[in-house]
């Protein structure tokens, strides 16, 4: 699995990078054919919930894009990975029916 991270409008701390990497690795437990994960973390200056995280996950034949915003990057990452886990489980069930 290729792993790419890009931060926009801020410099990430090691704690955030480690959190993202650990949660991204756990995604392979739900689906083992993940090709790549692109992660974009953005600091938006418009309101209080200004930490946005976007995951673009590529698997054979599909691409999942999930974007969540909250008041902390850790919470946004958790919400995004939970959503992707559900998508991967649904995709796996769909493949098993075929």
N, C-alpha and C. Protein backbone atom coordinates (compact mmCIF):
# COMPACT_ATOMS: atom_id res chain seq x y z
N UNK A 1 0.85 -1.17 0.00
CA UNK A 1 0.00 0.00 0.00
C UNK A 1 0.90 1.24 0.00
N UNK A 2 0.66 2.11 -0.96
CA UNK A 2 1.36 3.39 -0.99
C UNK A 2 0.62 4.37 -0.08
N UNK A 3 1.39 5.18 0.60
CA UNK A 3 0.86 6.10 1.60
C UNK A 3 1.43 7.48 1.31
N UNK A 4 0.56 8.45 0.99
CA UNK A 4 1.00 9.82 0.71
C UNK A 4 0.25 10.77 1.64
N UNK A 5 0.98 11.69 2.25
CA UNK A 5 0.38 12.67 3.15
C UNK A 5 0.79 14.06 2.72
N UNK A 6 -0.19 14.97 2.71
CA UNK A 6 0.10 16.36 2.38
C UNK A 6 -0.67 17.26 3.34
N UNK A 7 0.04 18.21 3.95
CA UNK A 7 -0.62 19.18 4.82
C UNK A 7 -0.70 20.51 4.09
N UNK A 8 -1.83 21.17 4.27
CA UNK A 8 -2.08 22.44 3.59
C UNK A 8 -2.35 23.50 4.65
N UNK A 9 -1.61 24.59 4.61
CA UNK A 9 -1.74 25.75 5.50
C UNK A 9 -1.27 25.51 6.93
N UNK A 10 -0.51 24.45 7.19
CA UNK A 10 0.06 24.24 8.52
C UNK A 10 1.19 23.21 8.44
N UNK A 11 1.99 23.15 9.49
CA UNK A 11 3.05 22.15 9.61
C UNK A 11 2.61 21.11 10.64
N UNK A 12 2.46 19.85 10.23
CA UNK A 12 1.96 18.83 11.16
C UNK A 12 3.01 18.43 12.20
N UNK A 13 2.53 18.05 13.37
CA UNK A 13 3.41 17.55 14.42
C UNK A 13 3.54 16.03 14.26
N UNK A 14 4.59 15.49 14.84
CA UNK A 14 4.85 14.05 14.72
C UNK A 14 3.71 13.21 15.30
N UNK A 15 3.07 13.70 16.35
CA UNK A 15 1.95 12.98 16.97
C UNK A 15 0.82 12.78 15.96
N UNK A 16 0.50 13.82 15.21
CA UNK A 16 -0.55 13.73 14.20
C UNK A 16 -0.14 12.76 13.09
N UNK A 17 1.09 12.85 12.63
CA UNK A 17 1.56 11.96 11.57
C UNK A 17 1.52 10.50 12.01
N UNK A 18 1.92 10.24 13.23
CA UNK A 18 1.89 8.88 13.76
C UNK A 18 0.47 8.36 13.87
N UNK A 19 -0.44 9.20 14.34
CA UNK A 19 -1.85 8.84 14.44
C UNK A 19 -2.41 8.48 13.07
N UNK A 20 -2.13 9.29 12.07
CA UNK A 20 -2.63 9.04 10.72
C UNK A 20 -2.05 7.75 10.17
N UNK A 21 -0.77 7.54 10.36
CA UNK A 21 -0.12 6.33 9.84
C UNK A 21 -0.70 5.07 10.50
N UNK A 22 -0.89 5.10 11.81
CA UNK A 22 -1.46 3.94 12.51
C UNK A 22 -2.87 3.63 12.04
N UNK A 23 -3.68 4.66 11.92
CA UNK A 23 -5.07 4.43 11.49
C UNK A 23 -5.13 3.97 10.03
N UNK A 24 -4.21 4.45 9.21
CA UNK A 24 -4.17 4.03 7.81
C UNK A 24 -3.76 2.57 7.70
N UNK A 25 -2.80 2.16 8.51
CA UNK A 25 -2.38 0.75 8.50
C UNK A 25 -3.52 -0.18 8.89
N UNK A 26 -4.35 0.26 9.83
CA UNK A 26 -5.47 -0.57 10.28
C UNK A 26 -6.49 -0.81 9.18
N UNK A 27 -6.53 0.05 8.18
CA UNK A 27 -7.49 -0.14 7.08
C UNK A 27 -7.21 -1.44 6.33
N UNK A 28 -5.96 -1.87 6.28
CA UNK A 28 -5.63 -3.11 5.57
C UNK A 28 -6.21 -4.34 6.27
N UNK A 29 -6.64 -4.21 7.52
CA UNK A 29 -7.31 -5.31 8.19
C UNK A 29 -8.70 -5.54 7.62
N UNK A 30 -9.31 -4.51 7.06
CA UNK A 30 -10.65 -4.62 6.51
C UNK A 30 -10.65 -5.03 5.04
N UNK A 31 -9.58 -4.68 4.32
CA UNK A 31 -9.47 -5.03 2.90
C UNK A 31 -7.99 -5.04 2.56
N UNK A 32 -7.49 -6.20 2.13
CA UNK A 32 -6.05 -6.35 1.96
C UNK A 32 -5.52 -5.96 0.58
N UNK A 33 -6.39 -5.53 -0.33
CA UNK A 33 -5.95 -5.18 -1.68
C UNK A 33 -5.92 -3.67 -1.92
N UNK A 34 -5.64 -2.90 -0.89
CA UNK A 34 -5.56 -1.44 -1.02
C UNK A 34 -4.31 -1.09 -1.81
N UNK A 35 -4.49 -0.30 -2.87
CA UNK A 35 -3.37 0.12 -3.71
C UNK A 35 -2.66 1.32 -3.11
N UNK A 36 -3.43 2.37 -2.79
CA UNK A 36 -2.82 3.58 -2.25
C UNK A 36 -3.82 4.37 -1.42
N UNK A 37 -3.26 5.20 -0.55
CA UNK A 37 -4.05 6.12 0.26
C UNK A 37 -3.39 7.48 0.18
N UNK A 38 -4.13 8.47 -0.28
CA UNK A 38 -3.67 9.86 -0.29
C UNK A 38 -4.43 10.60 0.80
N UNK A 39 -3.69 11.26 1.66
CA UNK A 39 -4.30 11.97 2.78
C UNK A 39 -3.96 13.45 2.67
N UNK A 40 -5.00 14.28 2.74
CA UNK A 40 -4.82 15.73 2.70
C UNK A 40 -5.39 16.30 3.99
N UNK A 41 -4.57 17.00 4.74
CA UNK A 41 -5.01 17.66 5.97
C UNK A 41 -4.94 19.16 5.72
N UNK A 42 -6.08 19.84 5.92
CA UNK A 42 -6.15 21.27 5.61
C UNK A 42 -6.59 22.05 6.84
N UNK A 43 -6.00 23.19 7.02
CA UNK A 43 -6.42 24.12 8.06
C UNK A 43 -7.20 25.23 7.37
N UNK A 44 -8.50 25.30 7.67
CA UNK A 44 -9.38 26.27 7.04
C UNK A 44 -9.63 27.40 8.04
N UNK A 45 -9.48 28.62 7.61
CA UNK A 45 -9.57 29.76 8.52
C UNK A 45 -10.96 30.38 8.60
N UNK A 46 -11.99 29.65 8.25
CA UNK A 46 -13.31 30.27 8.17
C UNK A 46 -14.12 30.17 9.46
N UNK A 47 -13.99 29.09 10.23
CA UNK A 47 -14.81 28.94 11.42
C UNK A 47 -14.10 28.10 12.47
N UNK A 48 -14.82 27.76 13.54
CA UNK A 48 -14.23 27.01 14.65
C UNK A 48 -13.89 25.58 14.26
N UNK A 49 -14.76 24.94 13.51
CA UNK A 49 -14.47 23.59 13.01
C UNK A 49 -13.65 23.74 11.74
N UNK A 50 -12.36 23.97 11.91
CA UNK A 50 -11.55 24.35 10.77
C UNK A 50 -10.46 23.34 10.42
N UNK A 51 -10.54 22.12 10.95
CA UNK A 51 -9.55 21.10 10.62
C UNK A 51 -10.21 20.05 9.73
N UNK A 52 -9.78 20.01 8.48
CA UNK A 52 -10.38 19.12 7.49
C UNK A 52 -9.38 18.05 7.07
N UNK A 53 -9.84 16.82 7.02
CA UNK A 53 -9.01 15.71 6.57
C UNK A 53 -9.75 15.00 5.45
N UNK A 54 -9.02 14.74 4.36
CA UNK A 54 -9.59 14.05 3.20
C UNK A 54 -8.73 12.84 2.89
N UNK A 55 -9.36 11.68 2.76
CA UNK A 55 -8.68 10.45 2.36
C UNK A 55 -9.17 10.08 0.97
N UNK A 56 -8.24 9.75 0.10
CA UNK A 56 -8.56 9.18 -1.21
C UNK A 56 -7.93 7.79 -1.22
N UNK A 57 -8.77 6.78 -1.16
CA UNK A 57 -8.31 5.40 -1.06
C UNK A 57 -8.60 4.69 -2.38
N UNK A 58 -7.57 4.08 -2.94
CA UNK A 58 -7.71 3.37 -4.21
C UNK A 58 -7.56 1.87 -3.99
N UNK A 59 -8.55 1.14 -4.51
CA UNK A 59 -8.50 -0.31 -4.54
C UNK A 59 -8.78 -0.72 -5.98
N UNK A 60 -8.51 -1.96 -6.36
CA UNK A 60 -8.76 -2.36 -7.75
C UNK A 60 -10.21 -2.10 -8.17
N UNK A 61 -10.38 -1.27 -9.18
CA UNK A 61 -11.70 -0.98 -9.73
C UNK A 61 -12.50 0.09 -9.01
N UNK A 62 -12.02 0.61 -7.92
CA UNK A 62 -12.78 1.60 -7.13
C UNK A 62 -11.85 2.66 -6.56
N UNK A 63 -12.47 3.80 -6.24
CA UNK A 63 -11.77 4.87 -5.53
C UNK A 63 -12.76 5.47 -4.54
N UNK A 64 -12.39 5.49 -3.28
CA UNK A 64 -13.23 6.07 -2.24
C UNK A 64 -12.64 7.40 -1.81
N UNK A 65 -13.49 8.42 -1.74
CA UNK A 65 -13.07 9.74 -1.28
C UNK A 65 -13.96 10.12 -0.10
N UNK A 66 -13.33 10.36 1.04
CA UNK A 66 -14.06 10.73 2.25
C UNK A 66 -13.40 11.96 2.85
N UNK A 67 -14.23 12.95 3.17
CA UNK A 67 -13.74 14.21 3.72
C UNK A 67 -14.56 14.55 4.96
N UNK A 68 -13.87 14.84 6.06
CA UNK A 68 -14.54 15.20 7.31
C UNK A 68 -13.87 16.43 7.91
N UNK A 69 -14.67 17.24 8.60
CA UNK A 69 -14.18 18.46 9.25
C UNK A 69 -14.62 18.45 10.71
N UNK A 70 -13.71 18.85 11.60
CA UNK A 70 -14.06 18.98 13.01
C UNK A 70 -13.11 19.97 13.68
N UNK A 71 -13.17 20.03 15.00
CA UNK A 71 -12.34 21.01 15.72
C UNK A 71 -10.93 20.51 16.01
N UNK A 72 -10.60 19.25 15.68
CA UNK A 72 -9.23 18.75 15.83
C UNK A 72 -8.92 17.78 14.69
N UNK A 73 -7.66 17.73 14.31
CA UNK A 73 -7.26 16.83 13.24
C UNK A 73 -7.43 15.37 13.65
N UNK A 74 -7.16 15.06 14.91
CA UNK A 74 -7.29 13.69 15.38
C UNK A 74 -8.73 13.20 15.25
N UNK A 75 -9.68 14.06 15.62
CA UNK A 75 -11.09 13.69 15.52
C UNK A 75 -11.50 13.55 14.05
N UNK A 76 -11.01 14.43 13.19
CA UNK A 76 -11.31 14.33 11.76
C UNK A 76 -10.76 13.03 11.18
N UNK A 77 -9.53 12.68 11.56
CA UNK A 77 -8.92 11.43 11.07
C UNK A 77 -9.73 10.23 11.54
N UNK A 78 -10.15 10.24 12.79
CA UNK A 78 -10.94 9.14 13.33
C UNK A 78 -12.26 8.99 12.58
N UNK A 79 -12.93 10.10 12.32
CA UNK A 79 -14.20 10.06 11.61
C UNK A 79 -14.02 9.57 10.17
N UNK A 80 -12.94 10.02 9.51
CA UNK A 80 -12.68 9.59 8.13
C UNK A 80 -12.38 8.10 8.08
N UNK A 81 -11.51 7.63 8.96
CA UNK A 81 -11.15 6.21 8.91
C UNK A 81 -12.34 5.32 9.28
N UNK A 82 -13.18 5.76 10.20
CA UNK A 82 -14.39 4.99 10.51
C UNK A 82 -15.30 4.89 9.30
N UNK A 83 -15.45 5.98 8.56
CA UNK A 83 -16.28 5.96 7.35
C UNK A 83 -15.68 5.04 6.29
N UNK A 84 -14.37 5.10 6.12
CA UNK A 84 -13.73 4.25 5.11
C UNK A 84 -13.83 2.78 5.52
N UNK A 85 -13.72 2.48 6.81
CA UNK A 85 -13.88 1.10 7.26
C UNK A 85 -15.25 0.57 6.87
N UNK A 86 -16.29 1.37 7.09
CA UNK A 86 -17.64 0.95 6.72
C UNK A 86 -17.75 0.75 5.21
N UNK A 87 -17.16 1.66 4.42
CA UNK A 87 -17.19 1.52 2.97
C UNK A 87 -16.47 0.25 2.51
N UNK A 88 -15.34 -0.06 3.11
CA UNK A 88 -14.60 -1.26 2.74
C UNK A 88 -15.37 -2.53 3.09
N UNK A 89 -16.04 -2.53 4.23
CA UNK A 89 -16.85 -3.69 4.62
C UNK A 89 -17.99 -3.87 3.63
N UNK A 90 -18.68 -2.79 3.26
CA UNK A 90 -19.76 -2.88 2.27
C UNK A 90 -19.24 -3.37 0.93
N UNK A 91 -18.08 -2.87 0.52
CA UNK A 91 -17.49 -3.28 -0.76
C UNK A 91 -17.14 -4.76 -0.73
N UNK A 92 -16.60 -5.23 0.36
CA UNK A 92 -16.23 -6.63 0.49
C UNK A 92 -17.47 -7.52 0.45
N UNK A 93 -18.55 -7.10 1.11
CA UNK A 93 -19.81 -7.86 1.07
C UNK A 93 -20.37 -7.89 -0.34
N UNK A 94 -20.28 -6.76 -1.04
CA UNK A 94 -20.77 -6.69 -2.41
C UNK A 94 -20.00 -7.66 -3.30
N UNK A 95 -18.69 -7.74 -3.13
CA UNK A 95 -17.87 -8.65 -3.93
C UNK A 95 -18.17 -10.10 -3.61
N UNK A 96 -18.49 -10.41 -2.36
CA UNK A 96 -18.76 -11.80 -2.00
C UNK A 96 -20.10 -12.28 -2.56
N UNK A 97 -21.02 -11.36 -2.85
CA UNK A 97 -22.31 -11.72 -3.43
C UNK A 97 -22.20 -12.05 -4.91
N UNK A 98 -21.17 -11.52 -5.56
CA UNK A 98 -21.03 -11.71 -7.01
C UNK A 98 -20.54 -13.08 -7.34
